[in-house]
Structures are given as C-alpha cells and as structure tokens.
Amino acid sequence: MKTAETTNWTTLLATKKCQRTLYNFAVGKASVSQTTKALAFSEGAGEFRQLVRTHGATYARRLTRKALRYRGLSI
C-alpha cells in the first residue's frame, strides 16, 4: 500500500517571493516550468516539484489555490 504524501506548505509559502510565485501559478498566470524556474534554489523548490509530480499540474493548481485561501494570502 502506498502512503499518502503531504505537502509542506509552510516551506513553500515561507517568503513573499514564493507566495507571489505560487499565486501566479495558482491563477494560471505562470506555467509549471516558469514556476519551477522561479522557485529554483529556494527551500520550497523540491516540495513544489514533488507536488506537481505526485498530483499533476491541474490538481496542483487547485491545491495551491486552496492552501493560499486557507492562509488568507491574496486569493
């Protein structure tokens, strides 16, 4: 049985730059590759790549919108 992987949103949303980048991804202003490049060398880069690999781009956008909304971050 495969265990469920969870995303560490605290790491992904640690800085304002990451929040802005993920917001643009969530609303469709940025693609997966653009977001990956923008998050490169940040602490959340691996977490974002894992999110997309695990769930796919469409569901990753939905999860990102949900995470931003739950934290009250401009969505």
Protein backbone atom coordinates (compact mmCIF):
# COMPACT_ATOMS: atom_id res chain seq x y z
CA MET A 1 0.00 0.00 0.00
CA LYS A 2 1.30 3.42 -0.94
CA THR A 3 1.34 6.02 1.80
CA ALA A 4 -0.11 9.45 1.18
CA GLU A 5 2.43 12.19 0.66
CA THR A 6 1.59 15.56 2.12
CA THR A 7 2.93 18.90 1.01
CA ASN A 8 4.79 21.09 3.46
CA TRP A 9 3.03 24.38 2.71
CA THR A 10 4.94 26.21 5.45
CA THR A 11 8.15 25.65 3.48
CA LEU A 12 6.54 26.51 0.15
CA LEU A 13 4.97 29.74 1.39
CA ALA A 14 7.89 30.85 3.57
CA THR A 15 8.77 34.06 1.69
CA LYS A 16 6.81 36.77 -0.10
CA LYS A 17 8.57 35.86 -3.37
CA CYS A 18 7.41 32.25 -3.07
CA GLN A 19 3.89 33.36 -2.19
CA ARG A 20 3.73 35.65 -5.23
CA THR A 21 5.14 32.94 -7.50
CA LEU A 22 2.69 30.32 -6.25
CA TYR A 23 -0.21 32.78 -6.55
CA ASN A 24 0.69 33.34 -10.21
CA PHE A 25 0.83 29.58 -10.71
CA ALA A 26 -2.49 29.05 -8.93
CA VAL A 27 -4.41 31.56 -11.03
CA GLY A 28 -2.86 30.38 -14.30
CA LYS A 29 -0.52 33.30 -14.96
CA ALA A 30 2.52 31.02 -14.79
CA SER A 31 3.17 27.53 -16.09
CA VAL A 32 4.75 24.67 -14.16
CA SER A 33 8.12 25.24 -15.81
CA GLN A 34 8.04 29.00 -15.14
CA THR A 35 7.14 28.39 -11.51
CA THR A 36 9.84 25.74 -11.13
CA LYS A 37 12.44 28.16 -12.53
CA ALA A 38 11.22 30.98 -10.28
CA LEU A 39 11.43 28.75 -7.19
CA ALA A 40 14.85 27.34 -8.11
CA PHE A 41 17.38 27.43 -5.25
CA SER A 42 14.68 28.22 -2.68
CA GLU A 43 13.74 25.89 0.14
CA GLY A 44 10.39 25.11 -1.44
CA ALA A 45 11.72 24.10 -4.86
CA GLY A 46 11.82 20.38 -4.18
CA GLU A 47 8.47 20.49 -2.42
CA PHE A 48 6.87 22.15 -5.47
CA ARG A 49 8.41 19.65 -7.90
CA GLN A 50 7.16 16.79 -5.74
CA LEU A 51 3.66 18.33 -5.62
CA VAL A 52 3.48 18.52 -9.41
CA ARG A 53 5.00 15.07 -9.90
CA THR A 54 2.59 13.49 -7.43
CA HIS A 55 -0.65 15.23 -8.42
CA GLY A 56 -0.16 16.71 -11.89
CA ALA A 57 -0.40 20.34 -12.90
CA THR A 58 -4.18 20.80 -12.77
CA TYR A 59 -4.67 19.31 -9.33
CA ALA A 60 -1.51 21.07 -8.07
CA ARG A 61 -3.07 24.40 -9.09
CA ARG A 62 -6.24 23.51 -7.21
CA LEU A 63 -4.31 22.51 -4.10
CA THR A 64 -2.24 25.70 -4.29
CA ARG A 65 -5.37 27.87 -4.53
CA LYS A 66 -6.80 26.02 -1.54
CA ALA A 67 -3.62 26.49 0.51
CA LEU A 68 -3.46 30.19 -0.30
CA ARG A 69 -7.13 30.67 0.51
CA TYR A 70 -6.84 28.85 3.86
CA ARG A 71 -3.95 31.11 4.82
CA GLY A 72 -5.67 34.29 3.61
CA LEU A 73 -2.92 35.09 1.09
CA SER A 74 -4.39 37.27 -1.67
CA ILE A 75 -6.72 34.92 -3.46
